[in-house]
C-alpha atoms as a PDB file:
ATOM      1  CA  MET A   1     103.297  57.292 119.659  1.00  0.00           C
ATOM      2  CA  SER A   2     104.878  53.697 120.199  1.00  0.00           C
ATOM      3  CA  VAL A   3     107.890  52.673 117.797  1.00  0.00           C
ATOM      4  CA  VAL A   4     105.317  49.552 116.691  1.00  0.00           C
ATOM      5  CA  SER A   5     102.685  51.809 115.669  1.00  0.00           C
ATOM      6  CA  GLN A   6     105.041  54.139 113.845  1.00  0.00           C
ATOM      7  CA  LEU A   7     106.460  51.300 111.997  1.00  0.00           C
ATOM      8  CA  ARG A   8     102.795  49.555 111.397  1.00  0.00           C
ATOM      9  CA  THR A   9     102.156  53.109 109.664  1.00  0.00           C
ATOM     10  CA  TYR A  10     105.264  52.580 107.457  1.00  0.00           C
ATOM     11  CA  PHE A  11     104.689  49.142 106.595  1.00  0.00           C
ATOM     12  CA  ALA A  12     100.891  49.912 105.738  1.00  0.00           C
ATOM     13  CA  VAL A  13     101.970  52.725 103.406  1.00  0.00           C
ATOM     14  CA  LEU A  14     105.116  51.557 101.721  1.00  0.00           C
ATOM     15  CA  PRO A  15     103.368  48.687  99.802  1.00  0.00           C
ATOM     16  CA  THR A  16     100.775  51.128  98.484  1.00  0.00           C
ATOM     17  CA  ALA A  17     103.269  52.573  95.859  1.00  0.00           C
ATOM     18  CA  ARG A  18     101.919  52.414  92.324  1.00  0.00           C
ATOM     19  CA  ARG A  19     104.683  53.382  90.086  1.00  0.00           C
ATOM     20  CA  ASN A  20     108.200  54.753  90.385  1.00  0.00           C
ATOM     21  CA  ARG A  21     109.023  52.522  93.109  1.00  0.00           C
ATOM     22  CA  THR A  22     112.967  52.324  92.332  1.00  0.00           C
ATOM     23  CA  ASP A  23     113.599  55.899  91.278  1.00  0.00           C
ATOM     24  CA  LEU A  24     115.498  56.735  94.736  1.00  0.00           C
ATOM     25  CA  ILE A  25     117.186  53.144  95.287  1.00  0.00           C
ATOM     26  CA  ARG A  26     118.411  53.181  91.746  1.00  0.00           C
ATOM     27  CA  TRP A  27     120.674  56.133  92.677  1.00  0.00           C
ATOM     28  CA  MET A  28     121.761  55.052  96.165  1.00  0.00           C
ATOM     29  CA  ILE A  29     122.574  51.604  95.531  1.00  0.00           C
ATOM     30  CA  ARG A  30     125.655  53.054  93.722  1.00  0.00           C
ATOM     31  CA  ARG A  31     126.631  54.644  97.265  1.00  0.00           C
ATOM     32  CA  PRO A  32     125.974  51.837  99.857  1.00  0.00           C
ATOM     33  CA  SER A  33     127.476  53.598 102.707  1.00  0.00           C
ATOM     34  CA  LEU A  34     125.192  56.618 101.955  1.00  0.00           C
ATOM     35  CA  LEU A  35     122.264  54.251 101.663  1.00  0.00           C
ATOM     36  CA  GLY A  36     122.944  52.455 105.025  1.00  0.00           C
ATOM     37  CA  ALA A  37     123.398  55.715 106.908  1.00  0.00           C
ATOM     38  CA  ILE A  38     119.975  57.499 105.309  1.00  0.00           C
ATOM     39  CA  THR A  39     118.477  53.869 106.454  1.00  0.00           C
ATOM     40  CA  GLY A  40     120.122  54.355 110.000  1.00  0.00           C
ATOM     41  CA  TYR A  41     118.693  57.729 110.160  1.00  0.00           C
ATOM     42  CA  GLU A  42     115.253  56.888 109.237  1.00  0.00           C
ATOM     43  CA  VAL A  43     115.126  53.845 111.743  1.00  0.00           C
ATOM     44  CA  ALA A  44     116.424  56.114 114.484  1.00  0.00           C
ATOM     45  CA  LEU A  45     113.548  58.799 113.906  1.00  0.00           C
ATOM     46  CA  VAL A  46     111.114  56.251 114.031  1.00  0.00           C
ATOM     47  CA  ALA A  47     112.565  54.652 117.463  1.00  0.00           C
ATOM     48  CA  SER A  48     112.854  57.745 119.107  1.00  0.00           C
ATOM     49  CA  ALA A  49     108.907  57.828 119.579  1.00  0.00           C
ATOM     50  CA  LYS A  50     108.909  60.871 121.814  1.00  0.00           C
ATOM     51  CA  MET A  51     106.789  62.978 119.911  1.00  0.00           C
ATOM     52  CA  PRO A  52     103.274  62.010 119.127  1.00  0.00           C
ATOM     53  CA  SER A  53     103.748  60.711 115.597  1.00  0.00           C
ATOM     54  CA  GLY A  54     101.014  62.436 114.503  1.00  0.00           C
ATOM     55  CA  LEU A  55     102.477  65.612 115.131  1.00  0.00           C
ATOM     56  CA  LYS A  56     105.963  64.768 114.080  1.00  0.00           C
ATOM     57  CA  SER A  57     104.108  63.532 110.519  1.00  0.00           C
ATOM     58  CA  LEU A  58     102.199  66.763 110.291  1.00  0.00           C
ATOM     59  CA  ALA A  59     105.522  68.713 110.833  1.00  0.00           C
ATOM     60  CA  GLU A  60     107.443  66.712 108.201  1.00  0.00           C
ATOM     61  CA  LEU A  61     104.694  66.778 105.921  1.00  0.00           C
ATOM     62  CA  LYS A  62     104.854  70.928 106.207  1.00  0.00           C
ATOM     63  CA  ALA A  63     108.523  70.820 105.313  1.00  0.00           C
ATOM     64  CA  SER A  64     107.807  68.690 102.234  1.00  0.00           C
ATOM     65  CA  THR A  65     105.167  71.274 101.235  1.00  0.00           C
ATOM     66  CA  LEU A  66     107.334  74.218 101.362  1.00  0.00           C
ATOM     67  CA  ILE A  67     110.220  72.261  99.757  1.00  0.00           C
ATOM     68  CA  SER A  68     107.741  71.404  97.086  1.00  0.00           C
ATOM     69  CA  CYS A  69     108.965  67.681  96.829  1.00  0.00           C
ATOM     70  CA  GLU A  70     106.278  65.697  95.171  1.00  0.00           C
ATOM     71  CA  TYR A  71     107.461  62.414  96.275  1.00  0.00           C
ATOM     72  CA  CYS A  72     107.650  63.476  99.656  1.00  0.00           C
ATOM     73  CA  VAL A  73     104.081  65.175  99.352  1.00  0.00           C
ATOM     74  CA  ASP A  74     102.678  62.063  98.179  1.00  0.00           C
ATOM     75  CA  ILE A  75     104.052  59.727 100.714  1.00  0.00           C
ATOM     76  CA  GLY A  76     103.811  62.335 103.487  1.00  0.00           C
ATOM     77  CA  SER A  77     100.015  62.741 102.981  1.00  0.00           C
ATOM     78  CA  ALA A  78      99.568  59.165 102.907  1.00  0.00           C
ATOM     79  CA  LEU A  79     101.323  58.663 106.281  1.00  0.00           C
ATOM     80  CA  ALA A  80      99.767  61.667 107.929  1.00  0.00           C
ATOM     81  CA  ARG A  81      96.072  60.206 106.932  1.00  0.00           C
ATOM     82  CA  ARG A  82      97.371  56.956 108.620  1.00  0.00           C
ATOM     83  CA  GLU A  83      98.397  58.862 111.714  1.00  0.00           C
ATOM     84  CA  GLY A  84      94.819  60.584 111.988  1.00  0.00           C
ATOM     85  CA  ILE A  85      95.293  63.694 110.242  1.00  0.00           C
ATOM     86  CA  THR A  86      92.107  64.472 108.381  1.00  0.00           C
ATOM     87  CA  GLU A  87      91.485  65.691 104.765  1.00  0.00           C
ATOM     88  CA  THR A  88      90.176  68.980 106.076  1.00  0.00           C
ATOM     89  CA  GLN A  89      93.794  69.397 107.894  1.00  0.00           C
ATOM     90  CA  LEU A  90      95.991  68.575 104.967  1.00  0.00           C
ATOM     91  CA  LEU A  91      93.974  71.005 102.816  1.00  0.00           C
ATOM     92  CA  ALA A  92      94.469  73.350 105.766  1.00  0.00           C
ATOM     93  CA  LEU A  93      98.281  73.546 105.818  1.00  0.00           C
ATOM     94  CA  PRO A  94      98.967  76.646 103.814  1.00  0.00           C
ATOM     95  CA  ASN A  95      96.731  78.640 106.273  1.00  0.00           C
ATOM     96  CA  TYR A  96      97.070  76.668 109.529  1.00  0.00           C
ATOM     97  CA  ARG A  97      97.678  79.856 111.402  1.00  0.00           C
ATOM     98  CA  THR A  98      93.939  80.628 110.990  1.00  0.00           C
ATOM     99  CA  SER A  99      92.577  77.486 110.562  1.00  0.00           C
ATOM    100  CA  ASP A 100      90.011  75.784 113.226  1.00  0.00           C
ATOM    101  CA  GLU A 101      90.934  72.539 111.850  1.00  0.00           C
ATOM    102  CA  VAL A 102      94.557  72.664 113.293  1.00  0.00           C
ATOM    103  CA  SER A 103      94.943  72.459 117.133  1.00  0.00           C
ATOM    104  CA  ALA A 104      97.236  74.483 118.972  1.00  0.00           C
ATOM    105  CA  ASP A 105     100.057  71.747 119.419  1.00  0.00           C
ATOM    106  CA  GLU A 106      99.959  71.156 115.423  1.00  0.00           C
ATOM    107  CA  LYS A 107      99.950  74.989 114.793  1.00  0.00           C
ATOM    108  CA  LEU A 108     103.198  75.030 117.043  1.00  0.00           C
ATOM    109  CA  VAL A 109     104.900  72.075 114.999  1.00  0.00           C
ATOM    110  CA  LEU A 110     103.782  73.741 111.812  1.00  0.00           C
ATOM    111  CA  GLU A 111     105.633  76.744 112.732  1.00  0.00           C
ATOM    112  CA  LEU A 112     108.530  75.057 113.799  1.00  0.00           C
ATOM    113  CA  ALA A 113     108.389  73.393 110.288  1.00  0.00           C
ATOM    114  CA  GLU A 114     108.265  76.559 108.494  1.00  0.00           C
ATOM    115  CA  ALA A 115     111.079  78.378 110.625  1.00  0.00           C
ATOM    116  CA  MET A 116     113.340  75.406 110.086  1.00  0.00           C
ATOM    117  CA  THR A 117     112.592  74.982 106.088  1.00  0.00           C
ATOM    118  CA  ARG A 118     113.061  78.769 105.239  1.00  0.00           C
ATOM    119  CA  THR A 119     116.653  79.903 104.270  1.00  0.00           C
ATOM    120  CA  PRO A 120     118.298  80.897 106.131  1.00  0.00           C
ATOM    121  CA  ALA A 121     116.749  78.858 109.142  1.00  0.00           C
ATOM    122  CA  THR A 122     116.294  80.953 111.850  1.00  0.00           C
ATOM    123  CA  ILE A 123     114.633  79.385 114.888  1.00  0.00           C
ATOM    124  CA  PRO A 124     113.565  82.298 117.191  1.00  0.00           C
ATOM    125  CA  ASP A 125     114.225  81.700 121.023  1.00  0.00           C
ATOM    126  CA  GLU A 126     110.641  82.246 121.803  1.00  0.00           C
ATOM    127  CA  LEU A 127     109.423  79.542 119.562  1.00  0.00           C
ATOM    128  CA  ARG A 128     112.032  77.002 120.842  1.00  0.00           C
ATOM    129  CA  ASP A 129     110.633  78.190 124.688  1.00  0.00           C
ATOM    130  CA  ARG A 130     106.951  77.707 123.655  1.00  0.00           C
ATOM    131  CA  LEU A 131     108.208  74.050 122.382  1.00  0.00           C
ATOM    132  CA  LEU A 132     109.810  73.279 125.441  1.00  0.00           C
ATOM    133  CA  ASP A 133     107.185  74.794 127.555  1.00  0.00           C
ATOM    134  CA  ARG A 134     104.542  72.149 125.967  1.00  0.00           C
ATOM    135  CA  PHE A 135     106.641  69.094 125.290  1.00  0.00           C
ATOM    136  CA  PRO A 136     109.451  67.400 126.956  1.00  0.00           C
ATOM    137  CA  ARG A 137     113.009  68.249 125.702  1.00  0.00           C
ATOM    138  CA  ALA A 138     113.411  64.690 124.092  1.00  0.00           C
ATOM    139  CA  ALA A 139     110.050  65.311 121.856  1.00  0.00           C
ATOM    140  CA  VAL A 140     111.321  68.610 120.903  1.00  0.00           C
ATOM    141  CA  VAL A 141     114.760  67.245 119.527  1.00  0.00           C
ATOM    142  CA  GLU A 142     112.830  64.480 117.950  1.00  0.00           C
ATOM    143  CA  VAL A 143     110.509  66.996 115.848  1.00  0.00           C
ATOM    144  CA  MET A 144     113.390  69.089 115.393  1.00  0.00           C
ATOM    145  CA  ALA A 145     115.619  66.409 113.618  1.00  0.00           C
ATOM    146  CA  ALA A 146     112.845  64.977 111.782  1.00  0.00           C
ATOM    147  CA  VAL A 147     112.268  68.570 110.083  1.00  0.00           C
ATOM    148  CA  ALA A 148     115.747  68.646 109.405  1.00  0.00           C
ATOM    149  CA  TRP A 149     115.895  65.525 107.997  1.00  0.00           C
ATOM    150  CA  GLU A 150     112.707  66.441 105.854  1.00  0.00           C
ATOM    151  CA  ASN A 151     114.604  69.032 104.486  1.00  0.00           C
ATOM    152  CA  HIS A 152     117.092  66.672 103.695  1.00  0.00           C
ATOM    153  CA  ARG A 153     114.987  64.037 102.124  1.00  0.00           C
ATOM    154  CA  GLY A 154     113.225  66.541  99.884  1.00  0.00           C
ATOM    155  CA  ARG A 155     115.925  68.396  98.840  1.00  0.00           C
ATOM    156  CA  LEU A 156     117.802  65.160  97.863  1.00  0.00           C
ATOM    157  CA  ASN A 157     114.652  63.685  96.124  1.00  0.00           C
ATOM    158  CA  GLN A 158     114.429  66.760  93.771  1.00  0.00           C
ATOM    159  CA  ALA A 159     118.005  66.833  92.915  1.00  0.00           C
ATOM    160  CA  LEU A 160     117.668  63.144  92.273  1.00  0.00           C
ATOM    161  CA  ALA A 161     114.439  63.289  90.134  1.00  0.00           C
ATOM    162  CA  VAL A 162     112.551  61.162  92.317  1.00  0.00           C
ATOM    163  CA  ARG A 163     109.129  61.027  91.149  1.00  0.00           C
ATOM    164  CA  PRO A 164     105.646  60.627  93.307  1.00  0.00           C
ATOM    165  CA  SER A 165     104.646  56.963  93.358  1.00  0.00           C
ATOM    166  CA  GLY A 166     100.994  57.075  93.867  1.00  0.00           C
ATOM    167  CA  PHE A 167     100.765  56.723  97.631  1.00  0.00           C
ATOM    168  CA  SER A 168      98.048  59.384  97.320  1.00  0.00           C
ATOM    169  CA  ASP A 169      96.585  58.605  94.639  1.00  0.00           C
ATOM    170  CA  GLY A 170      92.701  58.993  94.453  1.00  0.00           C
ATOM    171  CA  MET A 171      92.936  60.869  97.912  1.00  0.00           C
ATOM    172  CA  VAL A 172      93.249  64.187  99.436  1.00  0.00           C
ATOM    173  CA  CYS A 173      97.002  65.231  99.390  1.00  0.00           C
ATOM    174  CA  ALA A 174      98.648  68.294 100.978  1.00  0.00           C
ATOM    175  CA  VAL A 175      99.282  71.002  98.300  1.00  0.00           C
ATOM    176  CA  PRO A 176     103.068  72.033  97.603  1.00  0.00           C
ATOM    177  CA  GLU A 177     103.596  75.707  98.832  1.00  0.00           C
ATOM    178  CA  GLY A 178     107.180  76.460  97.522  1.00  0.00           C
ATOM    179  CA  LYS A 179     107.870  79.220  95.136  1.00  0.00           C
END
């Protein structure tokens, strides 16, 4: 949950990219102000560190599977594994509601990710109340911001044709669920 542990996770995963490393940067370098803003938001999400990082990672990954962003699923699966999410949990994502592999807290943040990724995004008061009953308000804001940001990432990456980079090559990866 600490900032340092989250940074370690990112610094361990990012160098494992095997291909297509510059897809996104080749686009974003043309708009340095946007690149700076995106980088700032990414850092802010890591620096928040109020929600357990495994739960936040799982929620982001669920959003990316629903959006079907192959790059996001690739890196998200690698990040989730580094945060302790098991292969069986990754494979259980499409059926998390009935899976014994997914804890009650994990099901709660996955339900949030589903609600926030649907179009239109409708978050029932009852879901928000269950989140607030279980987690501090700062953690709820953090996971909501992370899922909203994953929606941004996934849609932008797809629009720019950002390809998977091989973060999860040879390993179990979550499965895109979008239609």
